[in-house]
């Protein structure tokens, strides 16, 4: 089981030192069907608990990313 996360608001130096404009630009990448914000650490925790408690879930990679797909370089 694996999760792929992207664009989460965390207390890492990358986000705490970045200007607010940077966060706004990242939020603009999220398709309009989803909340226009960065993900919350609690959402990763919620998914992790769900995975641990679900006996029927197997061999899956779950994307928790607001449908943002980064283009390859």
N, C-alpha and C. Protein backbone atom coordinates (compact mmCIF):
# COMPACT_ATOMS: atom_id res chain seq x y z
N UNK A 1 0.84 -1.16 0.00
CA UNK A 1 0.00 0.00 0.00
C UNK A 1 0.89 1.23 0.00
N UNK A 2 0.52 2.20 -0.79
CA UNK A 2 1.30 3.44 -0.85
C UNK A 2 0.36 4.62 -1.08
N UNK A 3 0.80 5.77 -0.66
CA UNK A 3 0.07 7.00 -0.96
C UNK A 3 1.01 7.95 -1.66
N UNK A 4 0.46 8.73 -2.57
CA UNK A 4 1.20 9.80 -3.23
C UNK A 4 0.53 11.10 -2.84
N UNK A 5 1.28 11.98 -2.23
CA UNK A 5 0.73 13.27 -1.83
C UNK A 5 1.46 14.38 -2.57
N UNK A 6 0.77 15.48 -2.76
CA UNK A 6 1.33 16.61 -3.48
C UNK A 6 0.62 17.87 -3.01
N UNK A 7 1.33 18.96 -2.93
CA UNK A 7 0.77 20.26 -2.57
C UNK A 7 0.09 20.27 -1.21
N UNK A 8 0.83 19.87 -0.20
CA UNK A 8 0.31 19.90 1.16
C UNK A 8 0.98 21.00 1.95
N UNK A 9 0.18 21.66 2.75
CA UNK A 9 0.68 22.72 3.62
C UNK A 9 1.26 22.07 4.86
N UNK A 10 2.57 22.14 4.98
CA UNK A 10 3.24 21.53 6.12
C UNK A 10 4.15 22.56 6.77
N UNK A 11 4.68 22.21 7.91
CA UNK A 11 5.55 23.13 8.64
C UNK A 11 7.01 22.97 8.21
N UNK A 12 7.23 22.56 6.99
CA UNK A 12 8.60 22.42 6.49
C UNK A 12 9.15 23.79 6.11
N UNK A 13 10.46 23.95 6.13
CA UNK A 13 11.04 25.25 5.76
C UNK A 13 10.63 25.71 4.37
N UNK A 14 10.43 24.78 3.46
CA UNK A 14 10.03 25.16 2.10
C UNK A 14 8.74 25.98 2.10
N UNK A 15 7.78 25.60 2.91
CA UNK A 15 6.51 26.31 2.92
C UNK A 15 6.48 27.46 3.92
N UNK A 16 7.17 27.32 5.03
CA UNK A 16 7.11 28.39 6.03
C UNK A 16 7.88 29.63 5.59
N UNK A 17 8.92 29.46 4.76
CA UNK A 17 9.69 30.61 4.28
C UNK A 17 9.19 31.17 2.96
N UNK A 18 8.35 30.42 2.28
CA UNK A 18 7.85 30.85 0.97
C UNK A 18 6.84 31.98 1.12
N UNK A 19 6.84 32.92 0.18
CA UNK A 19 5.85 33.99 0.24
C UNK A 19 4.44 33.46 0.01
N UNK A 20 3.46 34.17 0.51
CA UNK A 20 2.05 33.78 0.35
C UNK A 20 1.69 33.64 -1.13
N UNK A 21 2.31 34.43 -1.97
CA UNK A 21 2.04 34.37 -3.41
C UNK A 21 2.38 32.98 -3.96
N UNK A 22 3.42 32.35 -3.43
CA UNK A 22 3.80 31.01 -3.85
C UNK A 22 2.68 30.01 -3.55
N UNK A 23 2.13 30.07 -2.36
CA UNK A 23 1.03 29.18 -1.99
C UNK A 23 -0.19 29.44 -2.88
N UNK A 24 -0.46 30.70 -3.18
CA UNK A 24 -1.59 31.04 -4.04
C UNK A 24 -1.40 30.45 -5.44
N UNK A 25 -0.19 30.52 -5.96
CA UNK A 25 0.09 29.96 -7.29
C UNK A 25 -0.05 28.44 -7.28
N UNK A 26 0.38 27.79 -6.20
CA UNK A 26 0.20 26.34 -6.11
C UNK A 26 -1.28 25.97 -6.06
N UNK A 27 -2.06 26.73 -5.33
CA UNK A 27 -3.49 26.47 -5.23
C UNK A 27 -4.18 26.62 -6.58
N UNK A 28 -3.66 27.50 -7.41
CA UNK A 28 -4.25 27.71 -8.73
C UNK A 28 -4.10 26.48 -9.63
N UNK A 29 -3.20 25.56 -9.29
CA UNK A 29 -3.02 24.34 -10.06
C UNK A 29 -4.13 23.32 -9.82
N UNK A 30 -4.85 23.47 -8.71
CA UNK A 30 -5.89 22.51 -8.34
C UNK A 30 -7.12 22.75 -9.24
N UNK A 31 -7.62 21.70 -9.91
CA UNK A 31 -8.81 21.87 -10.74
C UNK A 31 -9.99 22.41 -9.94
N UNK A 32 -10.87 23.13 -10.61
CA UNK A 32 -11.95 23.83 -9.90
C UNK A 32 -12.97 22.91 -9.25
N UNK A 33 -12.96 21.61 -9.58
CA UNK A 33 -13.88 20.67 -8.93
C UNK A 33 -13.47 20.37 -7.50
N UNK A 34 -12.26 20.75 -7.13
CA UNK A 34 -11.71 20.47 -5.80
C UNK A 34 -11.51 21.78 -5.04
N UNK A 35 -11.39 21.71 -3.72
CA UNK A 35 -11.15 22.93 -2.95
C UNK A 35 -9.86 23.63 -3.42
N UNK A 36 -9.91 24.91 -3.60
CA UNK A 36 -8.77 25.69 -4.08
C UNK A 36 -7.87 26.05 -2.90
N UNK A 37 -7.16 25.03 -2.42
CA UNK A 37 -6.28 25.21 -1.27
C UNK A 37 -5.24 24.10 -1.27
N UNK A 38 -4.24 24.27 -0.44
CA UNK A 38 -3.27 23.21 -0.24
C UNK A 38 -3.90 22.15 0.67
N UNK A 39 -3.42 20.92 0.55
CA UNK A 39 -3.91 19.86 1.41
C UNK A 39 -3.50 20.08 2.86
N UNK A 40 -4.23 19.45 3.74
CA UNK A 40 -3.95 19.58 5.17
C UNK A 40 -3.31 18.30 5.69
N UNK A 41 -2.34 18.40 6.59
CA UNK A 41 -1.73 17.20 7.15
C UNK A 41 -2.76 16.24 7.75
N UNK A 42 -3.83 16.76 8.30
CA UNK A 42 -4.87 15.90 8.88
C UNK A 42 -5.52 15.01 7.82
N UNK A 43 -5.52 15.47 6.57
CA UNK A 43 -6.10 14.66 5.49
C UNK A 43 -5.21 13.45 5.18
N UNK A 44 -3.91 13.62 5.29
CA UNK A 44 -2.99 12.48 5.13
C UNK A 44 -3.20 11.50 6.28
N UNK A 45 -3.33 12.01 7.49
CA UNK A 45 -3.55 11.15 8.66
C UNK A 45 -4.86 10.39 8.52
N UNK A 46 -5.90 11.05 8.07
CA UNK A 46 -7.21 10.42 7.89
C UNK A 46 -7.11 9.27 6.89
N UNK A 47 -6.43 9.51 5.77
CA UNK A 47 -6.26 8.45 4.78
C UNK A 47 -5.44 7.29 5.34
N UNK A 48 -4.41 7.59 6.10
CA UNK A 48 -3.57 6.55 6.69
C UNK A 48 -4.37 5.66 7.64
N UNK A 49 -5.22 6.25 8.44
CA UNK A 49 -6.07 5.47 9.36
C UNK A 49 -7.03 4.61 8.55
N UNK A 50 -7.62 5.18 7.50
CA UNK A 50 -8.54 4.41 6.65
C UNK A 50 -7.84 3.19 6.07
N UNK A 51 -6.62 3.39 5.56
CA UNK A 51 -5.86 2.28 4.98
C UNK A 51 -5.60 1.20 6.03
N UNK A 52 -5.18 1.61 7.21
CA UNK A 52 -4.85 0.66 8.27
C UNK A 52 -6.06 -0.11 8.76
N UNK A 53 -7.21 0.51 8.76
CA UNK A 53 -8.42 -0.13 9.29
C UNK A 53 -9.18 -0.97 8.26
N UNK A 54 -8.90 -0.78 6.97
CA UNK A 54 -9.65 -1.46 5.94
C UNK A 54 -8.96 -2.76 5.54
N UNK A 55 -9.53 -3.89 5.96
CA UNK A 55 -8.95 -5.20 5.67
C UNK A 55 -9.11 -5.61 4.21
N UNK A 56 -10.01 -4.97 3.49
CA UNK A 56 -10.30 -5.40 2.12
C UNK A 56 -9.50 -4.64 1.07
N UNK A 57 -8.81 -3.61 1.47
CA UNK A 57 -8.00 -2.80 0.56
C UNK A 57 -6.65 -3.47 0.37
N UNK A 58 -6.21 -3.59 -0.89
CA UNK A 58 -4.92 -4.24 -1.12
C UNK A 58 -4.23 -3.70 -2.36
N UNK A 59 -2.89 -3.74 -2.32
CA UNK A 59 -2.03 -3.46 -3.46
C UNK A 59 -2.47 -2.25 -4.29
N UNK A 60 -2.56 -1.15 -3.66
CA UNK A 60 -3.03 0.06 -4.35
C UNK A 60 -2.13 1.23 -4.01
N UNK A 61 -2.01 2.15 -4.95
CA UNK A 61 -1.35 3.42 -4.69
C UNK A 61 -2.44 4.48 -4.77
N UNK A 62 -2.70 5.13 -3.68
CA UNK A 62 -3.77 6.12 -3.60
C UNK A 62 -3.18 7.52 -3.71
N UNK A 63 -3.70 8.30 -4.65
CA UNK A 63 -3.23 9.67 -4.85
C UNK A 63 -4.09 10.60 -4.00
N UNK A 64 -3.45 11.39 -3.20
CA UNK A 64 -4.13 12.39 -2.37
C UNK A 64 -3.52 13.73 -2.79
N UNK A 65 -4.06 14.27 -3.89
CA UNK A 65 -3.40 15.41 -4.50
C UNK A 65 -4.32 16.43 -5.15
N UNK A 66 -5.62 16.35 -4.89
CA UNK A 66 -6.53 17.32 -5.49
C UNK A 66 -6.55 17.26 -7.01
N UNK A 67 -6.21 16.12 -7.59
CA UNK A 67 -6.19 15.90 -9.05
C UNK A 67 -5.15 16.72 -9.78
N UNK A 68 -4.13 17.22 -9.07
CA UNK A 68 -3.05 17.97 -9.72
C UNK A 68 -2.08 16.96 -10.33
N UNK A 69 -1.76 17.16 -11.59
CA UNK A 69 -0.79 16.32 -12.27
C UNK A 69 0.33 17.20 -12.76
N UNK A 70 1.51 17.00 -12.18
CA UNK A 70 2.67 17.79 -12.60
C UNK A 70 3.21 17.25 -13.92
N UNK A 71 3.55 18.13 -14.80
CA UNK A 71 4.11 17.74 -16.10
C UNK A 71 5.56 17.30 -15.92
N UNK A 72 5.99 16.30 -16.69
CA UNK A 72 7.40 15.90 -16.60
C UNK A 72 8.31 17.01 -17.12
N UNK A 73 9.53 17.03 -16.62
CA UNK A 73 10.48 18.06 -17.07
C UNK A 73 11.00 17.73 -18.43
